[in-house]
């Protein structure tokens, strides 16, 4: 017995990228044990097997084009305005297809009572509004939400400052971001088909791609210096299970008396991985008492035997963070939300080399919070100098404080509160 007249149907909609899908699945996973809920995940084909192994029902989009979303996201070089526009245009062509598919599924009788959508899954909110379905936005990158009165993001990692000149700078930056979005949207509007009347901003000025009902920020408020987020945003902390498990025969690679250093740049930054490996080679030569573990972020290679590039340098196709971070002493990473937050949780001091997307803004927050050291020029000389500073530093008291605070969040409790509020139920 559920205590309700019917089971509550929830569709979880996300792009099939680990940094988006996995934190949302981690948040929602406790609902699998609650008989009052029926959870279905809608995502790309590449993650269908993993989603079903976790225990969710899964509906895979574009089975005839299984890598269509990955092909858009994984660019061969660092982002620039042209690449960003090309990605935006390619995504805009997919949006009507996703909407049509969701419309077909829901029209055939599988309409959910509520939708939980990753923040870049814009079709989910658009069609939910048309069906009158309440929806929740999950966002592991809260800096993506447009600033309204504070220092803007996505401009290379601006720091907040006091003074009239900086207020003027921030105002110009905010205006530039908004104008850029409007121009890009105008160029792709015709691709949206029946949704050409979609507006980027609501009458109250909030962005229409995020839920007007509930936004769950998968992050820590303590890292944020902004105070202009939507009123219905709630901070739930960051927790992301890898779900993949480290193969048993890989565990012996972490049995060592040396200091252990994880080197990663996530899954998307294919153009950075060769340079990452070369830097690790140089560091391994200079630090023979440290063991360096480089991961290329290729989940399909989880079971592959690592390559030993040097006595103290191992190259893995993929390492699941959940299973290894408790064995790591230092990390070198790109300020992706997942690895940055996981390093905070595990009290791992980090050398941070932001590369793209929201990473520059994440790096600023990490630096101000004193949880890592940032290399901005990213030259070999700078990386070597800062790594020496990282390993010599003994006072990481702020990192320890934030690690403790990260464990105080109650994401499941907040999720139930929001579900009850939106569904008007006592859960």
Protein backbone atom coordinates (compact mmCIF):
# COMPACT_ATOMS: atom_id res chain seq x y z
CA UNK A 1 0.00 0.00 0.00
CA UNK A 2 1.27 3.46 -0.88
CA UNK A 3 -1.24 5.49 1.12
CA UNK A 4 -2.18 7.34 -2.07
CA UNK A 5 -4.99 6.73 -4.54
CA UNK A 6 -2.49 6.13 -7.32
CA UNK A 7 1.23 5.83 -7.89
CA UNK A 8 2.95 9.15 -8.63
CA UNK A 9 4.60 9.06 -12.06
CA UNK A 10 7.77 11.10 -12.47
CA UNK A 11 9.77 11.50 -15.67
CA UNK A 12 13.44 12.41 -15.20
CA UNK A 13 14.77 14.02 -18.39
CA UNK A 14 18.45 14.69 -18.99
CA UNK A 15 21.13 14.81 -21.64
CA UNK A 16 23.33 11.68 -21.51
CA UNK A 17 26.45 13.39 -20.15
CA UNK A 18 27.86 12.21 -16.83
CA UNK A 19 28.12 15.70 -15.34
CA UNK A 20 24.41 16.28 -15.98
CA UNK A 21 22.74 12.88 -15.72
CA UNK A 22 24.60 11.30 -12.79
CA UNK A 23 24.05 14.01 -10.14
CA UNK A 24 20.35 14.10 -11.01
CA UNK A 25 20.09 10.30 -10.79
CA UNK A 26 21.95 10.41 -7.46
CA UNK A 27 19.38 12.90 -6.17
CA UNK A 28 16.40 10.87 -7.40
CA UNK A 29 17.70 7.36 -6.59
CA UNK A 30 16.15 7.24 -3.06
CA UNK A 31 12.71 7.43 -4.70
CA UNK A 32 13.29 3.97 -6.18
CA UNK A 33 12.77 2.51 -2.71
CA UNK A 34 9.48 4.39 -2.23
CA UNK A 35 6.49 2.44 -3.64
CA UNK A 36 4.53 5.67 -3.98
CA UNK A 37 6.66 6.66 -6.97
CA UNK A 38 7.14 5.30 -10.46
CA UNK A 39 10.29 6.80 -11.98
CA UNK A 40 11.16 6.78 -15.66
CA UNK A 41 14.41 8.26 -17.03
CA UNK A 42 14.44 9.72 -20.54
CA UNK A 43 17.94 10.28 -21.92
CA UNK A 44 20.30 9.34 -24.76
CA UNK A 45 21.12 5.81 -25.89
CA UNK A 46 24.67 5.83 -24.57
CA UNK A 47 23.47 5.83 -20.96
CA UNK A 48 20.48 3.47 -21.25
CA UNK A 49 22.32 0.39 -19.98
CA UNK A 50 23.76 2.22 -16.97
CA UNK A 51 20.42 3.79 -16.07
CA UNK A 52 18.70 0.40 -16.12
CA UNK A 53 21.50 -1.20 -14.08
CA UNK A 54 20.85 1.39 -11.36
CA UNK A 55 17.22 0.27 -11.27
CA UNK A 56 15.35 2.92 -13.27
CA UNK A 57 13.09 2.34 -16.22
CA UNK A 58 14.70 4.07 -19.19
CA UNK A 59 13.44 5.42 -22.47
CA UNK A 60 16.28 6.19 -24.89
CA UNK A 61 15.95 8.99 -27.41
CA UNK A 62 17.29 8.79 -30.98
CA UNK A 63 18.09 5.05 -31.05
CA UNK A 64 18.90 5.36 -34.75
CA UNK A 65 21.46 8.10 -33.93
CA UNK A 66 22.92 6.88 -30.64
CA UNK A 67 25.70 9.49 -30.36
CA UNK A 68 23.89 12.53 -31.75
CA UNK A 69 23.98 14.50 -28.48
CA UNK A 70 27.57 13.53 -27.65
CA UNK A 71 28.69 14.61 -31.12
CA UNK A 72 27.35 18.11 -30.46
CA UNK A 73 28.91 18.47 -27.01
CA UNK A 74 32.34 16.94 -27.62
CA UNK A 75 34.04 19.59 -29.74
CA UNK A 76 37.51 19.00 -31.25
CA UNK A 77 38.81 22.31 -29.88
CA UNK A 78 38.21 24.86 -27.16
CA UNK A 79 34.97 26.80 -27.35
CA UNK A 80 34.80 30.14 -29.11
CA UNK A 81 31.80 32.21 -30.27
CA UNK A 82 31.59 30.31 -33.58
CA UNK A 83 31.71 26.86 -31.97
CA UNK A 84 29.19 27.95 -29.33
CA UNK A 85 26.83 29.19 -32.05
CA UNK A 86 27.25 25.95 -34.03
CA UNK A 87 26.42 23.93 -30.92
CA UNK A 88 23.43 26.14 -30.20
CA UNK A 89 22.20 25.73 -33.78
CA UNK A 90 22.64 21.95 -33.72
CA UNK A 91 20.80 21.75 -30.41
CA UNK A 92 17.97 23.90 -31.75
CA UNK A 93 17.44 21.40 -34.57
CA UNK A 94 17.11 18.58 -32.03
CA UNK A 95 14.66 20.42 -29.78
CA UNK A 96 11.56 19.95 -32.02
CA UNK A 97 12.41 16.26 -32.40
CA UNK A 98 12.66 15.77 -28.64
CA UNK A 99 9.43 17.69 -28.10
CA UNK A 100 7.61 15.64 -30.74
CA UNK A 101 8.81 12.41 -29.14
CA UNK A 102 7.78 13.49 -25.64
CA UNK A 103 4.45 14.69 -27.01
CA UNK A 104 3.86 11.28 -28.63
CA UNK A 105 4.78 9.39 -25.46
CA UNK A 106 2.62 11.52 -23.20
CA UNK A 107 -0.33 11.60 -25.62
CA UNK A 108 -0.34 7.81 -25.71
CA UNK A 109 -1.18 7.69 -22.03
CA UNK A 110 2.20 7.81 -20.33
CA UNK A 111 1.91 11.40 -19.13
CA UNK A 112 3.76 11.93 -15.84
CA UNK A 113 2.45 13.76 -12.80
CA UNK A 114 5.70 15.69 -12.51
CA UNK A 115 8.91 16.18 -14.49
CA UNK A 116 12.44 16.56 -13.14
CA UNK A 117 14.68 18.01 -15.85
CA UNK A 118 18.38 18.76 -16.08
CA UNK A 119 19.00 22.45 -16.69
CA UNK A 120 20.06 22.05 -20.33
CA UNK A 121 17.12 19.78 -21.20
CA UNK A 122 15.08 22.78 -22.36
CA UNK A 123 12.49 20.75 -24.36
CA UNK A 124 11.35 19.13 -21.11
CA UNK A 125 10.19 22.41 -19.64
CA UNK A 126 8.69 23.66 -22.90
CA UNK A 127 6.45 20.62 -23.35
CA UNK A 128 5.68 20.34 -19.63
CA UNK A 129 4.26 23.86 -19.73
CA UNK A 130 2.02 22.94 -22.67
CA UNK A 131 0.73 19.86 -20.86
CA UNK A 132 0.27 21.75 -17.61
CA UNK A 133 2.71 19.47 -15.78
CA UNK A 134 4.72 20.93 -12.87
CA UNK A 135 8.45 20.55 -13.34
CA UNK A 136 11.64 20.87 -11.36
CA UNK A 137 14.97 22.03 -12.76
CA UNK A 138 18.08 20.34 -11.38
CA UNK A 139 21.25 22.33 -11.97
CA UNK A 140 24.72 21.12 -10.96
CA UNK A 141 26.14 24.37 -12.35
CA UNK A 142 24.21 27.19 -10.62
CA UNK A 143 26.60 29.77 -12.10
CA UNK A 144 24.83 29.16 -15.43
CA UNK A 145 21.74 31.00 -14.17
CA UNK A 146 21.94 34.51 -15.53
CA UNK A 147 23.05 37.20 -13.08
CA UNK A 148 20.61 40.05 -12.61
CA UNK A 149 22.43 42.35 -10.18
CA UNK A 150 25.82 40.75 -9.42
CA UNK A 151 29.09 39.88 -11.17
CA UNK A 152 28.19 38.02 -14.39
CA UNK A 153 29.43 34.56 -15.31
CA UNK A 154 30.61 32.99 -18.59
CA UNK A 155 32.99 35.89 -19.21
CA UNK A 156 36.22 34.10 -18.35
CA UNK A 157 35.82 33.99 -14.58
CA UNK A 158 35.28 37.51 -13.27
CA UNK A 159 35.87 38.10 -9.58
CA UNK A 160 33.53 40.32 -7.56
CA UNK A 161 34.94 43.71 -6.60
CA UNK A 162 33.70 46.83 -4.86
CA UNK A 163 33.64 50.27 -6.45
CA UNK A 164 31.82 52.24 -9.13
CA UNK A 165 34.04 51.08 -12.00
CA UNK A 166 33.46 47.42 -11.18
CA UNK A 167 29.72 47.96 -10.87
CA UNK A 168 29.82 49.53 -14.34
CA UNK A 169 31.89 46.59 -15.62
CA UNK A 170 29.40 44.10 -14.18
CA UNK A 171 26.43 45.94 -15.70
CA UNK A 172 28.06 45.93 -19.14
CA UNK A 173 28.89 42.25 -18.76
CA UNK A 174 25.33 41.34 -17.82
CA UNK A 175 24.02 43.31 -20.79
CA UNK A 176 26.49 41.62 -23.14
CA UNK A 177 25.43 38.16 -21.96
CA UNK A 178 21.74 38.91 -22.42
CA UNK A 179 22.24 40.51 -25.84
CA UNK A 180 24.36 37.56 -26.95
CA UNK A 181 21.65 35.11 -25.95
CA UNK A 182 18.96 37.09 -27.74
CA UNK A 183 21.02 37.35 -30.94
CA UNK A 184 21.82 33.63 -30.97
CA UNK A 185 18.19 32.75 -30.31
CA UNK A 186 16.99 35.03 -33.12
CA UNK A 187 19.30 33.20 -35.54
CA UNK A 188 17.91 29.76 -34.68
CA UNK A 189 14.28 30.62 -33.91
CA UNK A 190 12.98 29.15 -37.18
CA UNK A 191 14.49 25.78 -36.27
CA UNK A 192 12.03 25.47 -33.39
CA UNK A 193 9.02 24.78 -35.59
CA UNK A 194 5.82 25.07 -33.56
CA UNK A 195 7.79 26.57 -30.69
CA UNK A 196 8.98 29.70 -32.50
CA UNK A 197 6.87 31.74 -30.08
CA UNK A 198 9.06 30.59 -27.18
CA UNK A 199 10.53 33.51 -25.25
CA UNK A 200 13.89 33.38 -23.48
CA UNK A 201 12.63 35.49 -20.58
CA UNK A 202 9.40 35.57 -18.63
CA UNK A 203 7.61 38.78 -17.74
CA UNK A 204 9.32 38.83 -14.35
CA UNK A 205 12.74 38.71 -16.05
CA UNK A 206 13.62 35.12 -15.13
CA UNK A 207 14.94 32.73 -17.76
CA UNK A 208 12.23 30.52 -19.24
CA UNK A 209 14.53 27.52 -19.68
CA UNK A 210 14.48 27.03 -15.90
CA UNK A 211 11.41 25.96 -13.96
CA UNK A 212 9.18 28.72 -12.58
CA UNK A 213 8.14 26.29 -9.81
CA UNK A 214 11.31 24.81 -8.34
CA UNK A 215 15.04 24.90 -9.03
CA UNK A 216 17.26 22.52 -7.09
CA UNK A 217 20.84 23.79 -7.10
CA UNK A 218 23.14 20.78 -6.83
CA UNK A 219 25.91 22.69 -5.14
CA UNK A 220 26.99 24.49 -1.98
CA UNK A 221 25.73 27.94 -1.11
CA UNK A 222 28.94 28.48 0.86
CA UNK A 223 30.90 28.62 -2.42
CA UNK A 224 28.71 31.28 -3.96
CA UNK A 225 29.15 35.06 -3.68
CA UNK A 226 26.00 35.84 -5.69
CA UNK A 227 22.71 36.73 -4.02
CA UNK A 228 20.51 37.24 -7.09
CA UNK A 229 19.27 33.71 -7.77
CA UNK A 230 15.53 33.09 -8.34
CA UNK A 231 13.56 33.01 -5.09
CA UNK A 232 12.36 29.44 -5.72
CA UNK A 233 15.93 28.07 -5.95
CA UNK A 234 17.00 25.79 -3.11
CA UNK A 235 20.51 24.56 -2.39
CA UNK A 236 20.62 20.80 -1.86
CA UNK A 237 24.37 20.22 -1.77
CA UNK A 238 26.31 18.21 -4.31
CA UNK A 239 26.43 14.44 -4.34
CA UNK A 240 27.23 12.42 -7.43
CA UNK A 241 27.67 8.66 -7.47
CA UNK A 242 29.68 7.27 -10.38
CA UNK A 243 27.49 4.12 -10.35
CA UNK A 244 30.23 2.38 -12.37
CA UNK A 245 32.51 0.40 -10.04
CA UNK A 246 36.29 0.19 -10.12
CA UNK A 247 37.20 -3.30 -11.40
CA UNK A 248 38.59 -5.49 -8.63
CA UNK A 249 41.83 -6.08 -10.53
CA UNK A 250 42.43 -2.30 -10.64
CA UNK A 251 42.46 -1.90 -6.86
CA UNK A 252 46.08 -3.03 -6.55
CA UNK A 253 47.23 0.01 -8.55
CA UNK A 254 46.25 2.20 -5.60
CA UNK A 255 48.27 0.21 -3.05
CA UNK A 256 51.37 2.33 -2.61
CA UNK A 257 53.34 4.28 -0.02
CA UNK A 258 53.71 7.18 -2.45
CA UNK A 259 51.50 10.27 -2.44
CA UNK A 260 48.70 9.71 -4.97
CA UNK A 261 47.68 12.38 -7.49
CA UNK A 262 44.59 12.17 -9.70
CA UNK A 263 44.86 13.98 -13.07
CA UNK A 264 41.64 14.54 -15.01
CA UNK A 265 39.87 16.90 -17.38
CA UNK A 266 36.51 15.12 -17.44
CA UNK A 267 34.72 13.71 -20.47
CA UNK A 268 34.08 16.59 -22.90
CA UNK A 269 37.49 18.26 -23.30
CA UNK A 270 38.93 15.89 -25.90
CA UNK A 271 41.26 18.58 -27.24
CA UNK A 272 42.91 19.01 -23.81
CA UNK A 273 43.64 15.37 -23.00
CA UNK A 274 46.89 15.02 -24.94
CA UNK A 275 48.32 18.11 -23.22
CA UNK A 276 47.10 16.77 -19.86
CA UNK A 277 49.04 13.54 -20.36
CA UNK A 278 52.20 15.42 -21.36
CA UNK A 279 52.01 17.56 -18.22
CA UNK A 280 51.57 14.46 -16.09
CA UNK A 281 54.71 13.00 -17.67
CA UNK A 282 56.74 16.07 -16.70
CA UNK A 283 55.39 16.07 -13.17
CA UNK A 284 56.09 12.36 -12.73
CA UNK A 285 59.73 12.94 -13.66
CA UNK A 286 60.09 15.76 -11.13
CA UNK A 287 58.20 13.99 -8.34
CA UNK A 288 59.35 10.34 -8.20
CA UNK A 289 57.82 9.97 -4.73
CA UNK A 290 54.35 10.68 -6.10
CA UNK A 291 52.18 8.29 -8.11
CA UNK A 292 50.11 9.97 -10.84
CA UNK A 293 46.81 8.49 -12.06
CA UNK A 294 45.58 10.02 -15.32
CA UNK A 295 42.01 9.29 -16.43
CA UNK A 296 40.78 10.05 -19.96
CA UNK A 297 37.12 9.99 -18.95
CA UNK A 298 36.12 7.33 -21.50
CA UNK A 299 33.51 5.32 -19.59
CA UNK A 300 33.45 2.56 -22.21
CA UNK A 301 37.05 1.75 -21.26
CA UNK A 302 36.36 1.12 -17.57
CA UNK A 303 37.66 -2.45 -17.68
CA UNK A 304 40.72 -1.77 -19.81
CA UNK A 305 44.15 -2.35 -18.29
CA UNK A 306 45.94 0.96 -17.64
CA UNK A 307 49.09 1.90 -19.54
CA UNK A 308 52.18 2.41 -17.41
CA UNK A 309 53.80 5.46 -19.03
CA UNK A 310 56.45 5.64 -16.30
CA UNK A 311 57.25 3.90 -13.04
CA UNK A 312 55.01 6.40 -11.24
CA UNK A 313 52.54 7.30 -14.01
CA UNK A 314 49.46 5.26 -14.95
CA UNK A 315 47.07 6.14 -17.78
CA UNK A 316 43.50 4.84 -17.39
CA UNK A 317 40.72 5.12 -19.93
CA UNK A 318 38.29 5.69 -17.07
CA UNK A 319 38.29 5.88 -13.30
CA UNK A 320 35.02 6.15 -11.33
CA UNK A 321 35.52 8.99 -8.85
CA UNK A 322 33.25 7.40 -6.23
CA UNK A 323 35.58 4.42 -5.78
CA UNK A 324 38.97 6.15 -5.86
CA UNK A 325 38.84 9.60 -4.27
CA UNK A 326 39.22 8.27 -0.74
CA UNK A 327 42.64 7.00 -1.88
CA UNK A 328 43.81 10.30 -3.44
CA UNK A 329 46.04 12.93 -1.76
CA UNK A 330 46.02 15.66 -4.44
CA UNK A 331 44.13 16.33 -7.67
CA UNK A 332 44.82 18.21 -10.88
CA UNK A 333 41.55 19.03 -12.60
CA UNK A 334 39.66 21.43 -14.87
CA UNK A 335 37.12 22.82 -12.36
CA UNK A 336 34.31 20.72 -13.73
CA UNK A 337 31.54 20.81 -11.14
CA UNK A 338 31.64 17.08 -10.44
CA UNK A 339 35.33 16.68 -9.70
CA UNK A 340 35.60 20.05 -7.93
CA UNK A 341 32.77 19.26 -5.54
CA UNK A 342 33.97 15.70 -5.00
CA UNK A 343 37.44 16.97 -4.08
CA UNK A 344 35.87 19.31 -1.53
CA UNK A 345 33.85 16.47 -0.03
CA UNK A 346 36.97 14.28 0.26
CA UNK A 347 39.24 17.14 1.46
CA UNK A 348 41.55 16.85 -1.54
CA UNK A 349 43.64 19.97 -2.29
CA UNK A 350 43.56 20.68 -6.01
CA UNK A 351 45.56 22.32 -8.76
CA UNK A 352 42.87 23.80 -10.99
CA UNK A 353 43.27 24.46 -14.71
CA UNK A 354 39.93 25.77 -16.03
CA UNK A 355 39.44 25.18 -19.76
CA UNK A 356 35.90 25.88 -20.95
CA UNK A 357 32.20 26.37 -20.18
CA UNK A 358 31.51 27.23 -16.52
CA UNK A 359 34.95 26.13 -15.36
CA UNK A 360 36.46 29.61 -15.12
CA UNK A 361 33.65 30.70 -12.80
CA UNK A 362 33.96 27.52 -10.76
CA UNK A 363 37.70 28.12 -10.45
CA UNK A 364 37.13 31.64 -9.09
CA UNK A 365 34.81 30.25 -6.43
CA UNK A 366 37.28 27.50 -5.52
CA UNK A 367 40.08 30.04 -5.21
CA UNK A 368 38.07 32.45 -3.05
CA UNK A 369 36.97 29.53 -0.85
CA UNK A 370 40.63 28.43 -0.49
CA UNK A 371 40.01 24.84 -1.57
CA UNK A 372 42.58 24.83 -4.37
CA UNK A 373 45.14 26.81 -6.35
CA UNK A 374 44.32 28.08 -9.85
CA UNK A 375 46.67 28.19 -12.84
CA UNK A 376 45.30 30.85 -15.16
CA UNK A 377 47.95 31.04 -17.87
CA UNK A 378 48.29 27.25 -17.80
CA UNK A 379 51.88 27.32 -19.05
CA UNK A 380 54.11 24.40 -18.09
CA UNK A 381 56.21 26.67 -15.88
CA UNK A 382 53.15 27.97 -14.04
CA UNK A 383 51.72 24.47 -13.56
CA UNK A 384 55.02 23.19 -12.14
CA UNK A 385 55.33 26.18 -9.82
CA UNK A 386 51.78 25.92 -8.49
CA UNK A 387 51.97 22.14 -8.06
CA UNK A 388 55.04 22.67 -5.87
CA UNK A 389 53.11 25.27 -3.86
CA UNK A 390 50.14 22.90 -3.60
CA UNK A 391 52.16 19.99 -2.22
CA UNK A 392 54.18 22.18 0.16
CA UNK A 393 51.19 23.92 1.69
CA UNK A 394 50.09 22.52 5.04
CA UNK A 395 47.15 24.77 5.98
CA UNK A 396 43.96 23.60 4.25
CA UNK A 397 41.67 24.54 7.12
CA UNK A 398 39.03 26.16 4.87
CA UNK A 399 38.88 23.01 2.76
CA UNK A 400 38.28 20.95 5.90
CA UNK A 401 35.47 23.29 7.02
CA UNK A 402 33.76 23.13 3.62
CA UNK A 403 34.13 19.35 3.51
CA UNK A 404 32.22 19.14 6.78
CA UNK A 405 29.55 21.55 5.58
CA UNK A 406 29.10 19.52 2.38
CA UNK A 407 28.03 16.57 4.51
CA UNK A 408 25.37 18.59 6.35
CA UNK A 409 23.07 19.02 3.34
CA UNK A 410 19.89 16.91 3.22
CA UNK A 411 19.08 16.56 -0.51
CA UNK A 412 16.53 13.76 -0.13
CA UNK A 413 14.58 15.68 2.50
CA UNK A 414 14.48 18.80 0.32
CA UNK A 415 13.44 16.77 -2.73
CA UNK A 416 10.50 15.30 -0.83
CA UNK A 417 9.52 18.77 0.39
CA UNK A 418 9.48 20.12 -3.16
CA UNK A 419 7.57 17.12 -4.52
CA UNK A 420 4.97 17.48 -1.80
CA UNK A 421 4.63 21.21 -2.40
CA UNK A 422 4.23 20.94 -6.17
CA UNK A 423 1.95 17.90 -6.09
CA UNK A 424 -0.01 19.27 -3.12
CA UNK A 425 0.53 16.06 -1.18
CA UNK A 426 1.69 15.25 2.33
CA UNK A 427 4.73 13.08 1.62
